[in-house]
Every structure is written in C-alpha cells, then in structure tokens.
C-alpha atoms as a PDB file:
ATOM      1  CA  UNK A   1     -40.406  14.630 -30.571  1.00  0.00           C
ATOM      2  CA  UNK A   2     -42.130  17.832 -31.647  1.00  0.00           C
ATOM      3  CA  UNK A   3     -39.150  18.792 -33.828  1.00  0.00           C
ATOM      4  CA  UNK A   4     -39.307  15.708 -36.071  1.00  0.00           C
ATOM      5  CA  UNK A   5     -38.556  16.423 -39.715  1.00  0.00           C
ATOM      6  CA  UNK A   6     -41.509  16.225 -42.075  1.00  0.00           C
ATOM      7  CA  UNK A   7     -41.394  13.230 -44.373  1.00  0.00           C
ATOM      8  CA  UNK A   8     -40.227  14.064 -47.882  1.00  0.00           C
ATOM      9  CA  UNK A   9     -42.480  13.199 -50.805  1.00  0.00           C
ATOM     10  CA  UNK A  10     -41.272  10.868 -53.501  1.00  0.00           C
ATOM     11  CA  UNK A  11     -40.411  12.646 -56.744  1.00  0.00           C
ATOM     12  CA  UNK A  12     -42.760  11.902 -59.648  1.00  0.00           C
ATOM     13  CA  UNK A  13     -40.267  12.056 -62.474  1.00  0.00           C
ATOM     14  CA  UNK A  14     -37.760   9.279 -63.056  1.00  0.00           C
ATOM     15  CA  UNK A  15     -34.926  11.805 -63.157  1.00  0.00           C
ATOM     16  CA  UNK A  16     -36.020  13.111 -59.746  1.00  0.00           C
ATOM     17  CA  UNK A  17     -36.141   9.601 -58.294  1.00  0.00           C
ATOM     18  CA  UNK A  18     -32.661   8.898 -59.638  1.00  0.00           C
ATOM     19  CA  UNK A  19     -31.365  12.193 -58.206  1.00  0.00           C
ATOM     20  CA  UNK A  20     -32.817  11.244 -54.790  1.00  0.00           C
ATOM     21  CA  UNK A  21     -31.039   7.872 -54.930  1.00  0.00           C
ATOM     22  CA  UNK A  22     -27.762   9.528 -55.914  1.00  0.00           C
ATOM     23  CA  UNK A  23     -28.105  12.121 -53.154  1.00  0.00           C
ATOM     24  CA  UNK A  24     -28.265   9.392 -50.504  1.00  0.00           C
ATOM     25  CA  UNK A  25     -24.974   7.901 -51.747  1.00  0.00           C
ATOM     26  CA  UNK A  26     -23.280  11.292 -52.124  1.00  0.00           C
ATOM     27  CA  UNK A  27     -24.394  12.378 -48.665  1.00  0.00           C
ATOM     28  CA  UNK A  28     -22.945   9.204 -47.129  1.00  0.00           C
ATOM     29  CA  UNK A  29     -19.628   9.647 -48.980  1.00  0.00           C
ATOM     30  CA  UNK A  30     -19.352  13.323 -48.033  1.00  0.00           C
ATOM     31  CA  UNK A  31     -20.197  12.607 -44.391  1.00  0.00           C
ATOM     32  CA  UNK A  32     -17.532   9.910 -44.259  1.00  0.00           C
ATOM     33  CA  UNK A  33     -14.855  12.177 -45.746  1.00  0.00           C
ATOM     34  CA  UNK A  34     -15.833  15.088 -43.492  1.00  0.00           C
ATOM     35  CA  UNK A  35     -15.497  12.790 -40.472  1.00  0.00           C
ATOM     36  CA  UNK A  36     -12.107  11.526 -41.689  1.00  0.00           C
ATOM     37  CA  UNK A  37     -10.964  15.153 -42.086  1.00  0.00           C
ATOM     38  CA  UNK A  38     -12.020  16.140 -38.576  1.00  0.00           C
ATOM     39  CA  UNK A  39     -10.453  13.023 -37.061  1.00  0.00           C
ATOM     40  CA  UNK A  40      -7.121  13.670 -38.806  1.00  0.00           C
ATOM     41  CA  UNK A  41      -7.027  17.284 -37.581  1.00  0.00           C
ATOM     42  CA  UNK A  42      -8.014  16.247 -34.061  1.00  0.00           C
ATOM     43  CA  UNK A  43      -5.289  13.573 -33.931  1.00  0.00           C
ATOM     44  CA  UNK A  44      -2.601  16.111 -34.852  1.00  0.00           C
ATOM     45  CA  UNK A  45      -3.875  18.537 -32.210  1.00  0.00           C
ATOM     46  CA  UNK A  46      -3.857  15.773 -29.578  1.00  0.00           C
ATOM     47  CA  UNK A  47      -0.248  14.866 -30.430  1.00  0.00           C
ATOM     48  CA  UNK A  48       0.746  18.546 -30.190  1.00  0.00           C
ATOM     49  CA  UNK A  49      -1.025  18.875 -26.835  1.00  0.00           C
ATOM     50  CA  UNK A  50       0.817  15.777 -25.590  1.00  0.00           C
ATOM     51  CA  UNK A  51       4.128  17.293 -26.719  1.00  0.00           C
ATOM     52  CA  UNK A  52       5.022  14.346 -28.952  1.00  0.00           C
ATOM     53  CA  UNK A  53       6.905  16.022 -31.814  1.00  0.00           C
ATOM     54  CA  UNK A  54       7.643  12.878 -33.838  1.00  0.00           C
ATOM     55  CA  UNK A  55       4.058  11.648 -33.697  1.00  0.00           C
ATOM     56  CA  UNK A  56       2.669  15.114 -34.459  1.00  0.00           C
ATOM     57  CA  UNK A  57       4.932  15.459 -37.513  1.00  0.00           C
ATOM     58  CA  UNK A  58       3.914  12.028 -38.820  1.00  0.00           C
ATOM     59  CA  UNK A  59       0.197  12.649 -38.253  1.00  0.00           C
ATOM     60  CA  UNK A  60       0.457  16.108 -39.834  1.00  0.00           C
ATOM     61  CA  UNK A  61       1.836  14.600 -43.040  1.00  0.00           C
ATOM     62  CA  UNK A  62      -1.128  12.217 -43.208  1.00  0.00           C
ATOM     63  CA  UNK A  63      -3.599  14.959 -42.303  1.00  0.00           C
ATOM     64  CA  UNK A  64      -2.276  17.192 -45.112  1.00  0.00           C
ATOM     65  CA  UNK A  65      -3.129  14.509 -47.646  1.00  0.00           C
ATOM     66  CA  UNK A  66      -6.643  14.041 -46.263  1.00  0.00           C
ATOM     67  CA  UNK A  67      -7.242  17.810 -46.139  1.00  0.00           C
ATOM     68  CA  UNK A  68      -6.201  18.136 -49.792  1.00  0.00           C
ATOM     69  CA  UNK A  69      -8.468  15.274 -50.871  1.00  0.00           C
ATOM     70  CA  UNK A  70     -11.459  16.786 -49.090  1.00  0.00           C
ATOM     71  CA  UNK A  71     -10.768  20.212 -50.611  1.00  0.00           C
ATOM     72  CA  UNK A  72     -10.393  18.766 -54.114  1.00  0.00           C
ATOM     73  CA  UNK A  73     -13.762  17.056 -53.815  1.00  0.00           C
ATOM     74  CA  UNK A  74     -15.358  20.344 -52.815  1.00  0.00           C
ATOM     75  CA  UNK A  75     -16.561  19.227 -49.392  1.00  0.00           C
ATOM     76  CA  UNK A  76     -14.728  22.142 -47.788  1.00  0.00           C
ATOM     77  CA  UNK A  77     -13.534  25.262 -49.571  1.00  0.00           C
ATOM     78  CA  UNK A  78      -9.900  25.266 -50.668  1.00  0.00           C
ATOM     79  CA  UNK A  79      -9.196  28.354 -48.561  1.00  0.00           C
ATOM     80  CA  UNK A  80     -10.539  26.627 -45.433  1.00  0.00           C
ATOM     81  CA  UNK A  81      -8.316  23.634 -46.148  1.00  0.00           C
ATOM     82  CA  UNK A  82      -5.278  25.879 -46.648  1.00  0.00           C
ATOM     83  CA  UNK A  83      -6.073  27.790 -43.454  1.00  0.00           C
ATOM     84  CA  UNK A  84      -6.395  24.574 -41.430  1.00  0.00           C
ATOM     85  CA  UNK A  85      -3.143  23.177 -42.842  1.00  0.00           C
ATOM     86  CA  UNK A  86      -1.370  26.431 -42.054  1.00  0.00           C
ATOM     87  CA  UNK A  87      -2.616  26.482 -38.465  1.00  0.00           C
ATOM     88  CA  UNK A  88      -1.695  22.831 -37.909  1.00  0.00           C
ATOM     89  CA  UNK A  89       1.742  23.420 -39.402  1.00  0.00           C
ATOM     90  CA  UNK A  90       2.287  26.373 -37.080  1.00  0.00           C
ATOM     91  CA  UNK A  91       1.329  24.252 -34.062  1.00  0.00           C
ATOM     92  CA  UNK A  92       3.718  21.462 -35.068  1.00  0.00           C
ATOM     93  CA  UNK A  93       6.550  23.948 -35.698  1.00  0.00           C
ATOM     94  CA  UNK A  94       5.910  25.690 -32.374  1.00  0.00           C
ATOM     95  CA  UNK A  95       6.251  22.303 -30.704  1.00  0.00           C
ATOM     96  CA  UNK A  96       9.705  21.882 -32.234  1.00  0.00           C
ATOM     97  CA  UNK A  97      10.909  25.422 -31.382  1.00  0.00           C
ATOM     98  CA  UNK A  98      11.098  25.188 -27.561  1.00  0.00           C
ATOM     99  CA  UNK A  99      13.108  21.973 -27.755  1.00  0.00           C
ATOM    100  CA  UNK A 100      15.617  23.555 -30.144  1.00  0.00           C
ATOM    101  CA  UNK A 101      16.078  26.528 -27.782  1.00  0.00           C
ATOM    102  CA  UNK A 102      16.621  24.282 -24.757  1.00  0.00           C
END
C-alpha cells in the first residue's frame, strides 16, 4: 500500500469544483466507450481465430461502427481507429481467402 495515490485537494473556485464534477462524469463515459471498443475488437479477433467467417464478418460490421464513434469523440486518434479497422478487415478477408481457394 506504499504506492497509494495522494488525495487530491478540493478546488477553491466554483468553476474548479464544477470542472472536477464534470471530469468524473467524462472519465466514466470515456472509460465505458474505451472498454466497448476493446471488447468489439477482441470479439472479431476471437471469431477470426475460431475460423467462423460469417460471425467474424457480422462482428466486424458492428466493430466498425463502434470504432468510428470512439474516434469521433476523440477518445482514440482517428488514425489509430483507421489502422485498427484496416487490420481487422485484413484478418476477416484472409479468413475468406483460403476457403475460396479450396
């Protein structure tokens, strides 16, 4: 317990107190969206690993929407969102390619 965070002081000004209240709400909203983002990406990767093309395609479509929402809100940079979508898309397409060749 030596690494416990020091307790923050209460702001004196009303505007500072309001900002502190708003920060708590914003932090909770951002944490929730970040978690939703990671879960969506992880679900697509699990479906790809399982080899389930239909499920992976469906989950990828939903994940794309979530990734765009998170990027628009500024939680992750737009380039990171685009990079993640591109990599997921490549994984889903690679899953479809071996079956087409067979």
